[in-house]
Amino acid sequence: MSRQLLTETRDILALPSFPVALQGRPTEGLFWDPRQDRVVLDALPAISTPPGHHEVQVDAGALASASQSHADQSRVIEPTAIFGGYLLRHFGHFLHESLSRLWWLGQGKSPNSLVEGVRRRLQAEGGDVVFFMPHWLDDGKDLPAYMAEVLTGLGLPIERIRILVEPAHLRHLLIPAQCWGFRFDQPAWNEELGCDCRELMRNLLGSYDRTAAPGESTLPSPEKLYVTRTGLPLQLGRLIGDVFLDRLMEAAGFRIYHPERHSIAEQIRQYSHANELVFMDGSALYLLWFCRLRPGVRIRVILRRRQGAWMCDQVKLLLPATAGLRWQVVDALKAESLTSENDWESHNLANISALAHQLAPKTHLPREQIRHTLTICTEELVANLDAAQLAGVLQALLYQLLPPSEPPISGTRAQLRRLAGRLKRRLTSP
């Protein structure tokens, strides 16, 4: 074991906005130790394997200048503080990555005496838990409501949360080890830290206080729930024609559930009470970590991008132990990156007919309802996509008319872009 579960530092400088990259991934925020004359490695957000100083990428000149200029001018935080990590302003990444140093909040006693000793010490501390909040989607430094609800439910009161915005000197900072991450190499970290990182995280998530959320539920809990993305803006990634699946699943007896319209507590409650859950792949899946799922529950996830298969594997690692749980990934993808190169915001093409057959084989919609639903879908695409994006959609649809062995036709994207531009002008002109 070459790293400790808890690193204790004194008289270090926090530089919340300073750019740094580790293992090829950029972020903002680091601690500088003037006595060691180097970055505090154990506080950086490791992505995969235990990092070394040689993997830290910073502008050495700019860092030296920043550390000198703030040496005597920064405010001082005197009481002992605990480092909570990096709060990422994206719902899925927040749940996947930003909780990884809060394992000590878990209530279950660990058989590992080392873990238990560190956990008790940190829980006995009553001071601030300090965080960095790097730029992610926006420059906000406030605590979003979903973060506040999750952190409170894990046992961290709002009054103890302190987001570092300006440089500051910390007299005494306790740094819990990072026990999860984006592409976390669990065996490597288990060996490095001398503990079972997965069990630490499952203990934390299982300790979530489901009674801490404000308000009472007004929705009855259904037996069958379909968690859709059709309520999200088109820029956040959808399947073409996904509104058809809403109508189909509703006809098959599922409640259509828009998670973004409900509190964290309400989502957890709904998922915990369902016998059958179908998700369109996305960040909503991560809340399964906090649930007490029903024995024998069936969970199916519709892929809207290839990356979703990897995400499903990550979600499964920290699912609560549930007897008879049935998990299935439903893959009918035909084309990706039609409206953007970014998988989280692109409209993608799936074989909707195949999805319907797998998800609700005995359910059939009236022809008029199908026509009306697809008309709404078409109008939404035309109104919200530009000509280049529409061209990508048209090209993918046209390719489906070719025999499987035929290669894509070259030179069609530009022609379709011009056609889509004319179509959009015609449909949107008064």
Protein backbone atom coordinates (compact mmCIF):
# COMPACT_ATOMS: atom_id res chain seq x y z
CA MET A 1 0.00 0.00 0.00
CA SER A 2 1.71 3.19 -1.17
CA ARG A 3 -1.13 5.65 -0.55
CA GLN A 4 -3.12 6.43 2.55
CA LEU A 5 -6.88 6.52 2.93
CA LEU A 6 -6.38 9.88 4.60
CA THR A 7 -3.73 12.46 3.77
CA GLU A 8 -3.10 15.22 6.32
CA THR A 9 -1.71 18.54 5.08
CA ARG A 10 -0.86 21.85 6.71
CA ASP A 11 -0.42 25.39 5.42
CA ILE A 12 -1.29 24.75 1.79
CA LEU A 13 -2.62 27.11 -0.86
CA ALA A 14 -5.90 26.46 -2.69
CA LEU A 15 -6.02 27.72 -6.29
CA PRO A 16 -9.63 26.98 -7.31
CA SER A 17 -9.45 28.30 -10.88
CA PHE A 18 -6.01 27.09 -11.86
CA PRO A 19 -6.08 24.76 -14.91
CA VAL A 20 -4.58 21.31 -14.52
CA ALA A 21 -4.78 18.05 -16.44
CA LEU A 22 -4.27 14.55 -15.11
CA GLN A 23 -4.27 11.35 -17.16
CA GLY A 24 -5.29 13.36 -20.21
CA ARG A 25 -8.34 15.00 -18.66
CA PRO A 26 -8.39 18.75 -17.97
CA THR A 27 -10.07 20.40 -15.00
CA GLU A 28 -9.67 23.41 -12.70
CA GLY A 29 -8.54 23.59 -9.11
CA LEU A 30 -5.50 22.34 -7.18
CA PHE A 31 -3.70 22.64 -3.86
CA TRP A 32 -0.11 23.86 -3.75
CA ASP A 33 2.24 22.81 -0.94
CA PRO A 34 4.92 25.54 -0.59
CA ARG A 35 7.06 23.42 1.71
CA GLN A 36 7.21 20.54 -0.76
CA ASP A 37 7.21 22.99 -3.68
CA ARG A 38 4.72 20.90 -5.65
CA VAL A 39 1.07 20.14 -6.28
CA VAL A 40 -0.72 18.06 -3.64
CA LEU A 41 -1.12 14.92 -5.73
CA ASP A 42 -3.59 13.12 -3.47
CA ALA A 43 -6.14 15.91 -3.93
CA LEU A 44 -6.21 15.73 -7.74
CA PRO A 45 -9.10 13.93 -9.50
CA ALA A 46 -7.55 10.68 -10.69
CA ILE A 47 -9.44 9.28 -13.67
CA SER A 48 -8.32 5.68 -13.89
CA THR A 49 -5.21 4.39 -12.10
CA PRO A 50 -3.28 5.81 -9.13
CA PRO A 51 -1.46 8.82 -10.63
CA GLY A 52 2.14 9.95 -10.29
CA HIS A 53 3.57 13.46 -10.28
CA HIS A 54 4.91 12.86 -13.79
CA GLU A 55 1.29 12.65 -15.04
CA VAL A 56 0.32 16.09 -13.75
CA GLN A 57 0.17 18.61 -16.58
CA VAL A 58 0.35 22.25 -15.48
CA ASP A 59 1.93 25.43 -16.73
CA ALA A 60 4.88 25.51 -14.31
CA GLY A 61 5.62 29.18 -14.89
CA ALA A 62 2.04 30.26 -14.38
CA LEU A 63 1.77 28.08 -11.29
CA ALA A 64 4.92 29.57 -9.76
CA SER A 65 3.60 33.06 -10.44
CA ALA A 66 0.17 32.28 -8.98
CA SER A 67 1.58 30.68 -5.84
CA GLN A 68 3.90 33.64 -5.24
CA SER A 69 1.29 36.31 -5.90
CA HIS A 70 -1.17 34.72 -3.47
CA ALA A 71 1.42 33.80 -0.85
CA ASP A 72 0.53 36.68 1.49
CA GLN A 73 -2.68 38.05 -0.01
CA SER A 74 -5.12 35.16 0.24
CA ARG A 75 -7.59 34.76 3.06
CA VAL A 76 -6.79 32.13 5.67
CA ILE A 77 -9.06 29.24 6.66
CA GLU A 78 -7.99 28.44 10.21
CA PRO A 79 -10.21 25.53 11.38
CA THR A 80 -9.54 22.00 10.23
CA ALA A 81 -11.34 21.33 6.94
CA ILE A 82 -12.03 18.18 4.93
CA PHE A 83 -11.55 18.09 1.17
CA GLY A 84 -14.72 16.86 -0.53
CA GLY A 85 -13.44 16.80 -4.11
CA TYR A 86 -14.69 18.38 -7.33
CA LEU A 87 -18.37 19.22 -7.80
CA LEU A 88 -19.09 18.72 -11.50
CA ARG A 89 -22.07 20.68 -12.81
CA HIS A 90 -23.55 17.79 -14.75
CA PHE A 91 -26.08 15.50 -13.09
CA GLY A 92 -24.56 12.19 -14.23
CA HIS A 93 -20.91 13.14 -13.71
CA PHE A 94 -21.75 14.61 -10.31
CA LEU A 95 -23.19 11.27 -9.17
CA HIS A 96 -20.50 9.19 -10.87
CA GLU A 97 -17.45 11.20 -9.80
CA SER A 98 -18.15 13.95 -7.26
CA LEU A 99 -19.13 11.63 -4.40
CA SER A 100 -15.92 9.60 -4.53
CA ARG A 101 -14.22 11.28 -1.53
CA LEU A 102 -17.32 11.22 0.68
CA TRP A 103 -17.23 7.48 1.42
CA TRP A 104 -16.54 8.27 5.08
CA LEU A 105 -20.14 9.49 5.45
CA GLY A 106 -21.35 5.89 5.10
CA GLN A 107 -23.01 4.51 8.23
CA GLY A 108 -22.25 0.80 7.95
CA LYS A 109 -19.36 -0.41 10.10
CA SER A 110 -16.42 -1.70 8.08
CA PRO A 111 -14.61 -4.94 9.01
CA ASN A 112 -11.42 -3.23 7.80
CA SER A 113 -9.93 -1.61 10.91
CA LEU A 114 -8.00 0.92 8.81
CA VAL A 115 -11.16 2.07 7.04
CA GLU A 116 -13.13 2.18 10.27
CA GLY A 117 -10.49 4.27 12.04
CA VAL A 118 -10.36 6.86 9.27
CA ARG A 119 -14.15 6.94 8.96
CA ARG A 120 -14.62 7.57 12.68
CA ARG A 121 -12.04 10.32 12.72
CA LEU A 122 -13.58 12.15 9.77
CA GLN A 123 -17.11 11.79 11.12
CA ALA A 124 -15.94 13.29 14.41
CA GLU A 125 -14.74 16.43 12.63
CA GLY A 126 -17.37 19.14 12.59
CA GLY A 127 -15.72 21.66 10.31
CA ASP A 128 -16.29 22.65 6.71
CA VAL A 129 -16.06 20.23 3.81
CA VAL A 130 -14.44 22.23 1.03
CA PHE A 131 -14.92 21.63 -2.68
CA PHE A 132 -13.67 22.88 -6.01
CA MET A 133 -16.30 23.57 -8.66
CA PRO A 134 -14.61 23.64 -12.09
CA HIS A 135 -16.21 25.03 -15.21
CA TRP A 136 -18.57 22.39 -16.60
CA LEU A 137 -21.35 23.37 -19.00
CA ASP A 138 -21.37 26.80 -17.35
CA ASP A 139 -19.31 28.98 -15.00
CA GLY A 140 -21.68 28.73 -12.04
CA LYS A 141 -20.32 28.45 -8.51
CA ASP A 142 -23.63 28.06 -6.70
CA LEU A 143 -24.85 24.72 -5.37
CA PRO A 144 -27.61 23.38 -7.66
CA ALA A 145 -30.71 22.02 -5.94
CA TYR A 146 -30.01 18.42 -6.99
CA MET A 147 -26.51 18.57 -5.48
CA ALA A 148 -27.87 20.01 -2.24
CA GLU A 149 -30.51 17.27 -2.00
CA VAL A 150 -28.05 14.45 -2.67
CA LEU A 151 -25.36 15.75 -0.30
CA THR A 152 -27.90 16.37 2.45
CA GLY A 153 -29.30 12.87 1.98
CA LEU A 154 -25.79 11.45 2.37
CA GLY A 155 -25.42 13.21 5.71
CA LEU A 156 -23.55 16.38 4.74
CA PRO A 157 -25.53 19.43 5.93
CA ILE A 158 -25.63 22.44 3.63
CA GLU A 159 -24.04 24.65 6.28
CA ARG A 160 -20.86 22.51 6.18
CA ILE A 161 -20.45 22.73 2.40
CA ARG A 162 -17.97 25.37 1.26
CA ILE A 163 -17.17 25.90 -2.41
CA LEU A 164 -13.74 27.47 -2.84
CA VAL A 165 -13.95 30.29 -5.37
CA GLU A 166 -10.95 32.48 -4.51
CA PRO A 167 -7.39 31.45 -3.54
CA ALA A 168 -7.09 30.63 0.14
CA HIS A 169 -4.60 29.31 2.66
CA LEU A 170 -5.76 26.28 4.62
CA ARG A 171 -4.02 25.74 7.93
CA HIS A 172 -5.09 22.11 8.25
CA LEU A 173 -6.72 20.08 5.48
CA LEU A 174 -7.70 16.41 5.67
CA ILE A 175 -7.87 14.72 2.26
CA PRO A 176 -9.84 11.44 2.08
CA ALA A 177 -8.69 9.16 -0.72
CA GLN A 178 -10.68 9.04 -3.94
CA CYS A 179 -12.50 5.71 -4.01
CA TRP A 180 -14.29 5.90 -7.35
CA GLY A 181 -13.85 7.63 -10.69
CA PHE A 182 -14.75 7.98 -14.34
CA ARG A 183 -12.77 5.00 -15.64
CA PHE A 184 -11.83 3.68 -12.25
CA ASP A 185 -9.40 0.77 -12.18
CA GLN A 186 -10.82 -0.84 -9.07
CA PRO A 187 -8.21 -3.62 -8.59
CA ALA A 188 -5.36 -1.10 -8.87
CA TRP A 189 -6.95 1.25 -6.35
CA ASN A 190 -7.90 -1.55 -3.97
CA GLU A 191 -4.26 -2.61 -3.85
CA GLU A 192 -3.04 0.98 -3.57
CA LEU A 193 -5.33 1.89 -0.67
CA GLY A 194 -5.58 -1.48 1.05
CA CYS A 195 -9.37 -1.62 1.00
CA ASP A 196 -12.37 -2.57 -1.13
CA CYS A 197 -13.31 0.70 -2.86
CA ARG A 198 -16.53 -0.69 -4.26
CA GLU A 199 -17.76 -1.68 -0.82
CA LEU A 200 -16.90 1.77 0.55
CA MET A 201 -19.01 3.40 -2.16
CA ARG A 202 -21.90 0.95 -1.83
CA ASN A 203 -21.92 1.57 1.91
CA LEU A 204 -22.10 5.33 1.28
CA LEU A 205 -24.92 5.05 -1.26
CA GLY A 206 -26.83 2.55 0.88
CA SER A 207 -26.74 5.00 3.80
CA TYR A 208 -28.71 7.61 1.86
CA ASP A 209 -31.48 9.07 4.02
CA ARG A 210 -34.61 8.68 1.91
CA THR A 211 -36.65 10.65 4.46
CA ALA A 212 -34.49 13.78 4.28
CA ALA A 213 -36.02 15.23 1.12
CA PRO A 214 -38.59 18.05 1.36
CA GLY A 215 -42.25 17.54 0.57
CA GLU A 216 -44.51 14.52 0.35
CA SER A 217 -45.08 12.52 -2.80
CA THR A 218 -48.35 13.14 -4.61
CA LEU A 219 -47.86 10.43 -7.23
CA PRO A 220 -48.88 6.83 -6.63
CA SER A 221 -46.10 4.36 -7.32
CA PRO A 222 -46.72 2.39 -10.52
CA GLU A 223 -45.79 -1.23 -11.17
CA LYS A 224 -44.30 -0.34 -14.56
CA LEU A 225 -42.32 2.83 -15.28
CA TYR A 226 -40.78 4.12 -18.50
CA VAL A 227 -38.15 6.81 -17.86
CA THR A 228 -38.06 8.92 -21.01
CA ARG A 229 -35.95 11.79 -22.35
CA THR A 230 -38.67 13.39 -24.47
CA GLY A 231 -39.10 16.22 -21.97
CA LEU A 232 -35.48 17.34 -22.42
CA PRO A 233 -34.36 19.93 -24.97
CA LEU A 234 -33.38 18.49 -28.34
CA GLN A 235 -29.80 19.62 -27.73
CA LEU A 236 -29.36 17.09 -24.91
CA GLY A 237 -29.42 13.93 -27.01
CA ARG A 238 -32.40 11.91 -28.15
CA LEU A 239 -33.43 9.09 -30.46
CA ILE A 240 -35.25 10.16 -33.60
CA GLY A 241 -38.90 9.25 -33.12
CA ASP A 242 -38.59 8.63 -29.37
CA VAL A 243 -42.01 10.23 -28.84
CA PHE A 244 -43.48 7.15 -30.55
CA LEU A 245 -41.99 4.98 -27.79
CA ASP A 246 -43.73 7.16 -25.19
CA ARG A 247 -47.11 6.44 -26.75
CA LEU A 248 -46.33 2.75 -27.20
CA MET A 249 -45.13 2.21 -23.64
CA GLU A 250 -48.10 4.11 -22.27
CA ALA A 251 -50.43 1.82 -24.23
CA ALA A 252 -48.51 -1.16 -22.81
CA GLY A 253 -49.34 -0.09 -19.25
CA PHE A 254 -46.22 1.90 -18.33
CA ARG A 255 -46.33 5.29 -16.69
CA ILE A 256 -44.32 7.77 -18.77
CA TYR A 257 -41.92 9.40 -16.34
CA HIS A 258 -39.96 12.61 -16.93
CA PRO A 259 -37.32 12.55 -14.15
CA GLU A 260 -36.24 16.17 -14.65
CA ARG A 261 -39.68 17.26 -13.38
CA HIS A 262 -39.31 15.57 -9.99
CA SER A 263 -37.13 15.80 -6.90
CA ILE A 264 -34.35 13.33 -6.24
CA ALA A 265 -36.39 11.79 -3.42
CA GLU A 266 -39.44 11.33 -5.63
CA GLN A 267 -37.38 9.65 -8.36
CA ILE A 268 -35.80 7.27 -5.85
CA ARG A 269 -39.23 6.44 -4.42
CA GLN A 270 -40.74 5.71 -7.82
CA TYR A 271 -37.85 3.50 -8.94
CA SER A 272 -37.80 1.65 -5.62
CA HIS A 273 -41.46 0.66 -5.85
CA ALA A 274 -41.62 -0.45 -9.49
CA ASN A 275 -41.57 -4.08 -10.59
CA GLU A 276 -40.51 -3.17 -14.11
CA LEU A 277 -38.35 -0.23 -15.19
CA VAL A 278 -37.42 0.83 -18.70
CA PHE A 279 -34.91 3.68 -19.14
CA MET A 280 -33.77 5.57 -22.18
CA ASP A 281 -30.05 5.59 -21.43
CA GLY A 282 -28.90 8.69 -19.62
CA SER A 283 -27.96 10.15 -16.25
CA ALA A 284 -31.27 9.20 -14.61
CA LEU A 285 -29.88 5.65 -14.31
CA TYR A 286 -27.43 6.70 -11.60
CA LEU A 287 -30.21 7.23 -9.07
CA LEU A 288 -30.70 3.46 -9.01
CA TRP A 289 -27.63 3.48 -6.75
CA PHE A 290 -29.70 5.09 -3.97
CA CYS A 291 -32.75 2.84 -4.29
CA ARG A 292 -33.99 -0.15 -2.36
CA LEU A 293 -35.11 -2.08 -5.39
CA ARG A 294 -37.85 -4.66 -5.20
CA PRO A 295 -36.77 -8.32 -5.35
CA GLY A 296 -37.11 -9.65 -8.88
CA VAL A 297 -37.28 -6.18 -10.46
CA ARG A 298 -36.74 -6.10 -14.21
CA ILE A 299 -34.63 -3.21 -15.55
CA ARG A 300 -34.18 -2.60 -19.26
CA VAL A 301 -32.10 0.19 -20.79
CA ILE A 302 -32.59 1.40 -24.37
CA LEU A 303 -29.31 2.48 -25.95
CA ARG A 304 -29.41 5.87 -27.66
CA ARG A 305 -25.60 5.88 -28.23
CA ARG A 306 -22.80 3.32 -28.07
CA GLN A 307 -21.31 5.07 -25.03
CA GLY A 308 -24.47 4.08 -23.19
CA ALA A 309 -23.34 0.44 -23.04
CA TRP A 310 -20.22 1.47 -21.11
CA MET A 311 -22.30 3.65 -18.81
CA CYS A 312 -24.64 0.74 -18.09
CA ASP A 313 -21.64 -1.35 -17.02
CA GLN A 314 -20.58 1.43 -14.64
CA VAL A 315 -24.06 1.74 -13.16
CA LYS A 316 -24.27 -2.02 -12.53
CA LEU A 317 -21.09 -1.96 -10.43
CA LEU A 318 -22.72 0.03 -7.63
CA LEU A 319 -26.30 -1.21 -7.80
CA PRO A 320 -27.69 -2.25 -4.40
CA ALA A 321 -27.73 -5.97 -3.78
CA THR A 322 -31.18 -7.09 -4.96
CA ALA A 323 -32.42 -10.68 -5.10
CA GLY A 324 -33.50 -11.79 -8.55
CA LEU A 325 -32.69 -8.51 -10.30
CA ARG A 326 -32.97 -8.84 -14.09
CA TRP A 327 -30.94 -6.40 -16.20
CA GLN A 328 -31.04 -6.05 -19.97
CA VAL A 329 -29.55 -3.57 -22.44
CA VAL A 330 -31.77 -3.17 -25.50
CA ASP A 331 -29.68 -2.29 -28.56
CA ALA A 332 -31.34 -1.33 -31.84
CA LEU A 333 -29.00 1.53 -32.82
CA LYS A 334 -28.54 2.13 -36.53
CA ALA A 335 -26.61 5.42 -36.79
CA GLU A 336 -24.92 7.91 -34.45
CA SER A 337 -23.60 11.49 -34.46
CA LEU A 338 -26.26 12.67 -36.89
CA THR A 339 -26.63 16.17 -35.47
CA SER A 340 -23.44 16.50 -33.39
CA GLU A 341 -20.11 14.77 -32.84
CA ASN A 342 -20.81 14.87 -29.10
CA ASP A 343 -22.71 11.76 -28.07
CA TRP A 344 -24.47 13.55 -25.22
CA GLU A 345 -26.20 16.02 -27.54
CA SER A 346 -26.66 14.18 -30.84
CA HIS A 347 -29.88 12.86 -32.32
CA ASN A 348 -29.32 9.22 -33.21
CA LEU A 349 -31.21 6.66 -35.24
CA ALA A 350 -32.52 3.35 -33.90
CA ASN A 351 -34.79 0.72 -35.35
CA ILE A 352 -37.94 1.85 -33.58
CA SER A 353 -39.89 -1.12 -34.92
CA ALA A 354 -37.37 -3.53 -33.37
CA LEU A 355 -37.52 -1.65 -30.06
CA ALA A 356 -41.31 -1.84 -30.08
CA HIS A 357 -41.16 -5.58 -30.71
CA GLN A 358 -38.72 -6.15 -27.83
CA LEU A 359 -40.35 -3.83 -25.31
CA ALA A 360 -44.07 -4.28 -26.00
CA PRO A 361 -44.59 -7.10 -28.52
CA LYS A 362 -48.34 -7.38 -27.92
CA THR A 363 -49.11 -3.66 -28.07
CA HIS A 364 -50.20 -1.92 -31.27
CA LEU A 365 -51.12 1.72 -31.75
CA PRO A 366 -53.93 2.90 -34.04
CA ARG A 367 -52.62 4.11 -37.40
CA GLU A 368 -54.00 7.61 -36.87
CA GLN A 369 -52.17 7.93 -33.53
CA ILE A 370 -48.93 6.80 -35.18
CA ARG A 371 -49.36 9.38 -37.94
CA HIS A 372 -50.11 12.16 -35.46
CA THR A 373 -47.13 11.25 -33.25
CA LEU A 374 -44.68 11.16 -36.15
CA THR A 375 -46.01 14.49 -37.44
CA ILE A 376 -45.26 16.08 -34.09
CA CYS A 377 -41.77 14.54 -34.14
CA THR A 378 -41.08 15.87 -37.65
CA GLU A 379 -42.27 19.38 -36.78
CA GLU A 380 -40.07 19.40 -33.68
CA LEU A 381 -36.99 18.37 -35.67
CA VAL A 382 -37.58 20.95 -38.40
CA ALA A 383 -38.16 23.72 -35.87
CA ASN A 384 -35.10 23.01 -33.74
CA LEU A 385 -32.38 21.64 -36.06
CA ASP A 386 -30.37 23.61 -38.59
CA ALA A 387 -29.90 22.55 -42.21
CA ALA A 388 -26.67 20.64 -41.55
CA GLN A 389 -28.25 18.69 -38.70
CA LEU A 390 -31.34 17.90 -40.74
CA ALA A 391 -29.07 16.69 -43.54
CA GLY A 392 -27.45 14.24 -41.14
CA VAL A 393 -30.85 12.90 -40.14
CA LEU A 394 -32.02 12.60 -43.75
CA GLN A 395 -28.84 10.84 -44.80
CA ALA A 396 -29.15 8.25 -42.03
CA LEU A 397 -32.78 7.61 -42.93
CA LEU A 398 -31.96 7.24 -46.63
CA TYR A 399 -29.13 4.80 -45.91
CA GLN A 400 -31.69 2.49 -44.31
CA LEU A 401 -33.24 2.06 -47.78
CA LEU A 402 -30.03 0.53 -49.16
CA PRO A 403 -29.32 -3.20 -49.10
CA PRO A 404 -27.13 -4.12 -46.09
CA SER A 405 -24.10 -4.87 -48.30
CA GLU A 406 -24.16 -1.52 -50.11
CA PRO A 407 -21.56 1.07 -49.04
CA PRO A 408 -22.70 4.62 -48.17
CA ILE A 409 -23.14 6.92 -51.14
CA SER A 410 -20.40 9.55 -51.19
CA GLY A 411 -21.12 13.23 -51.64
CA THR A 412 -24.69 13.13 -50.41
CA ARG A 413 -24.31 15.17 -47.20
CA ALA A 414 -23.78 18.51 -48.99
CA GLN A 415 -26.68 17.87 -51.37
CA LEU A 416 -28.94 16.91 -48.50
CA ARG A 417 -27.86 19.96 -46.52
CA ARG A 418 -29.01 22.21 -49.36
CA LEU A 419 -32.25 20.24 -49.66
CA ALA A 420 -32.83 20.42 -45.91
CA GLY A 421 -32.23 24.16 -45.95
CA ARG A 422 -34.87 24.66 -48.62
CA LEU A 423 -37.25 22.34 -46.77
CA LYS A 424 -36.77 24.18 -43.48
CA ARG A 425 -37.37 27.58 -45.11
CA ARG A 426 -40.50 26.30 -46.81
CA LEU A 427 -41.95 24.75 -43.67
CA THR A 428 -41.15 27.65 -41.36
CA SER A 429 -42.00 30.55 -43.67
CA PRO A 430 -45.30 32.33 -42.93
